[in-house]
Every structure is written in structure tokens, then in C-alpha cells.
N, C-alpha and C. Protein backbone atom coordinates (compact mmCIF):
# COMPACT_ATOMS: atom_id res chain seq x y z
N MET A 1 -35.81 -40.88 -2.46
CA MET A 1 -35.44 -40.47 -3.80
C MET A 1 -35.58 -41.66 -4.75
N THR A 2 -35.99 -41.33 -5.90
CA THR A 2 -36.07 -42.39 -6.90
C THR A 2 -34.73 -42.51 -7.61
N ALA A 3 -34.55 -43.60 -8.30
CA ALA A 3 -33.31 -43.81 -9.05
C ALA A 3 -33.13 -42.74 -10.11
N GLN A 4 -34.24 -42.31 -10.73
CA GLN A 4 -34.16 -41.28 -11.78
C GLN A 4 -33.65 -39.95 -11.22
N ILE A 5 -34.16 -39.58 -10.06
CA ILE A 5 -33.71 -38.33 -9.42
C ILE A 5 -32.24 -38.43 -9.07
N THR A 6 -31.82 -39.56 -8.54
CA THR A 6 -30.42 -39.77 -8.19
C THR A 6 -29.54 -39.66 -9.43
N ARG A 7 -29.95 -40.27 -10.53
CA ARG A 7 -29.18 -40.18 -11.78
C ARG A 7 -29.11 -38.75 -12.28
N SER A 8 -30.23 -38.03 -12.17
CA SER A 8 -30.27 -36.64 -12.62
C SER A 8 -29.32 -35.77 -11.81
N ILE A 9 -29.33 -35.93 -10.51
CA ILE A 9 -28.42 -35.16 -9.65
C ILE A 9 -26.97 -35.52 -9.97
N ALA A 10 -26.69 -36.79 -10.12
CA ALA A 10 -25.32 -37.22 -10.44
C ALA A 10 -24.86 -36.64 -11.77
N GLN A 11 -25.75 -36.60 -12.74
CA GLN A 11 -25.40 -36.06 -14.05
C GLN A 11 -25.10 -34.56 -13.95
N ARG A 12 -25.92 -33.82 -13.22
CA ARG A 12 -25.68 -32.38 -13.08
C ARG A 12 -24.40 -32.10 -12.31
N ALA A 13 -24.05 -32.98 -11.38
CA ALA A 13 -22.85 -32.76 -10.58
C ALA A 13 -21.57 -33.03 -11.36
N GLN A 14 -21.67 -33.75 -12.46
CA GLN A 14 -20.47 -34.13 -13.21
C GLN A 14 -19.88 -33.00 -14.02
N GLY A 15 -20.61 -31.98 -14.29
CA GLY A 15 -20.09 -30.85 -15.04
C GLY A 15 -20.79 -30.67 -16.35
N GLY A 16 -20.34 -29.69 -17.10
CA GLY A 16 -20.97 -29.38 -18.37
C GLY A 16 -21.99 -28.28 -18.21
N GLU A 17 -22.68 -27.97 -19.31
CA GLU A 17 -23.65 -26.89 -19.30
C GLU A 17 -24.76 -27.17 -18.29
N ASN A 18 -25.10 -26.14 -17.53
CA ASN A 18 -26.13 -26.21 -16.48
C ASN A 18 -25.78 -27.15 -15.35
N SER A 19 -24.51 -27.44 -15.16
CA SER A 19 -24.11 -28.32 -14.07
C SER A 19 -24.11 -27.56 -12.75
N LEU A 20 -24.03 -28.28 -11.67
CA LEU A 20 -23.94 -27.64 -10.37
C LEU A 20 -22.67 -26.81 -10.27
N PHE A 21 -21.60 -27.27 -10.92
CA PHE A 21 -20.34 -26.53 -10.94
C PHE A 21 -20.54 -25.19 -11.63
N ASP A 22 -21.21 -25.18 -12.80
CA ASP A 22 -21.48 -23.93 -13.50
C ASP A 22 -22.33 -23.00 -12.64
N THR A 23 -23.31 -23.55 -11.97
CA THR A 23 -24.16 -22.75 -11.10
C THR A 23 -23.35 -22.12 -9.99
N ALA A 24 -22.48 -22.90 -9.36
CA ALA A 24 -21.63 -22.39 -8.28
C ALA A 24 -20.70 -21.30 -8.81
N GLU A 25 -20.11 -21.51 -9.99
CA GLU A 25 -19.23 -20.50 -10.57
C GLU A 25 -20.00 -19.21 -10.84
N GLY A 26 -21.23 -19.33 -11.31
CA GLY A 26 -22.05 -18.15 -11.56
C GLY A 26 -22.34 -17.38 -10.29
N VAL A 27 -22.63 -18.09 -9.21
CA VAL A 27 -22.89 -17.44 -7.93
C VAL A 27 -21.63 -16.76 -7.41
N ILE A 28 -20.50 -17.42 -7.53
CA ILE A 28 -19.22 -16.83 -7.09
C ILE A 28 -18.93 -15.55 -7.87
N LYS A 29 -19.15 -15.58 -9.18
CA LYS A 29 -18.91 -14.39 -10.00
C LYS A 29 -19.86 -13.27 -9.59
N TRP A 30 -21.13 -13.60 -9.34
CA TRP A 30 -22.10 -12.59 -8.92
C TRP A 30 -21.65 -11.95 -7.61
N VAL A 31 -21.20 -12.76 -6.64
CA VAL A 31 -20.75 -12.25 -5.35
C VAL A 31 -19.54 -11.35 -5.55
N ASP A 32 -18.57 -11.79 -6.37
CA ASP A 32 -17.38 -10.98 -6.63
C ASP A 32 -17.75 -9.65 -7.27
N ASP A 33 -18.67 -9.67 -8.24
CA ASP A 33 -19.11 -8.45 -8.90
C ASP A 33 -19.84 -7.53 -7.92
N PHE A 34 -20.65 -8.12 -7.05
CA PHE A 34 -21.37 -7.34 -6.05
C PHE A 34 -20.39 -6.69 -5.08
N LYS A 35 -19.41 -7.45 -4.62
CA LYS A 35 -18.39 -6.90 -3.72
C LYS A 35 -17.66 -5.74 -4.38
N ALA A 36 -17.33 -5.88 -5.65
CA ALA A 36 -16.64 -4.81 -6.38
C ALA A 36 -17.52 -3.57 -6.47
N ALA A 37 -18.81 -3.76 -6.72
CA ALA A 37 -19.73 -2.63 -6.82
C ALA A 37 -19.87 -1.92 -5.47
N VAL A 38 -19.95 -2.68 -4.39
CA VAL A 38 -20.04 -2.09 -3.06
C VAL A 38 -18.76 -1.32 -2.74
N GLN A 39 -17.61 -1.90 -3.05
CA GLN A 39 -16.34 -1.22 -2.80
C GLN A 39 -16.25 0.07 -3.60
N GLN A 40 -16.72 0.05 -4.85
CA GLN A 40 -16.70 1.26 -5.68
C GLN A 40 -17.61 2.32 -5.08
N ALA A 41 -18.77 1.92 -4.58
CA ALA A 41 -19.69 2.87 -3.95
C ALA A 41 -19.06 3.48 -2.70
N ILE A 42 -18.36 2.67 -1.92
CA ILE A 42 -17.67 3.18 -0.72
C ILE A 42 -16.60 4.18 -1.13
N THR A 43 -15.81 3.84 -2.13
CA THR A 43 -14.75 4.73 -2.61
C THR A 43 -15.33 6.04 -3.11
N ASP A 44 -16.41 5.96 -3.89
CA ASP A 44 -17.04 7.17 -4.42
C ASP A 44 -17.58 8.05 -3.29
N THR A 45 -18.20 7.42 -2.30
CA THR A 45 -18.75 8.16 -1.17
C THR A 45 -17.64 8.84 -0.39
N GLN A 46 -16.55 8.14 -0.16
CA GLN A 46 -15.42 8.72 0.56
C GLN A 46 -14.85 9.91 -0.20
N ARG A 47 -14.76 9.79 -1.53
CA ARG A 47 -14.22 10.88 -2.35
C ARG A 47 -15.14 12.10 -2.27
N VAL A 48 -16.45 11.90 -2.34
CA VAL A 48 -17.40 13.01 -2.25
C VAL A 48 -17.34 13.64 -0.87
N GLU A 49 -17.28 12.83 0.17
CA GLU A 49 -17.21 13.36 1.54
C GLU A 49 -15.94 14.17 1.74
N GLU A 50 -14.84 13.68 1.20
CA GLU A 50 -13.57 14.40 1.32
C GLU A 50 -13.64 15.74 0.56
N ALA A 51 -14.22 15.71 -0.62
CA ALA A 51 -14.37 16.94 -1.40
C ALA A 51 -15.26 17.94 -0.65
N ASN A 52 -16.32 17.44 -0.01
CA ASN A 52 -17.20 18.32 0.76
C ASN A 52 -16.48 18.91 1.97
N ARG A 53 -15.65 18.10 2.63
CA ARG A 53 -14.89 18.60 3.79
C ARG A 53 -13.92 19.69 3.34
N MET A 54 -13.25 19.47 2.23
CA MET A 54 -12.28 20.44 1.75
C MET A 54 -12.98 21.72 1.31
N GLY A 55 -14.18 21.60 0.79
CA GLY A 55 -14.95 22.77 0.36
C GLY A 55 -15.44 23.61 1.52
N ARG A 56 -15.64 22.98 2.67
CA ARG A 56 -16.13 23.71 3.84
C ARG A 56 -15.01 24.35 4.64
N SER A 57 -13.80 23.94 4.40
CA SER A 57 -12.66 24.46 5.20
C SER A 57 -12.31 25.86 4.81
């Protein structure tokens, strides 16, 4: 690694706009949002399946 690359990485790691911290926070938020969407899909599917079971009884 060159000194310039090392300085660049150190600068991004310190925080602020486009920092590694911001990137990590963005990924965490995306994962949380994805998990919520999957859970909602599971809940919706269970509700439809239950409604179908009750309709067939």
C-alpha cells in the first residue's frame, strides 16, 4: 500500500459523509428493512393460508 492509500482509508474510517461508518450503518439499515419485509410477507402468507383453511371448513 502506498502512503496515499493508507491516508485515504484512515480518513474514511474516521467518520463523516461517505465514511466506512456511514456505509456500515446503511448496510445495517438495509438488512433491518429486508428482515421486516420478509417478516411481513410471512405474516401475510400465514393470514391468507388461515383464511383459506377457514373457507374450506
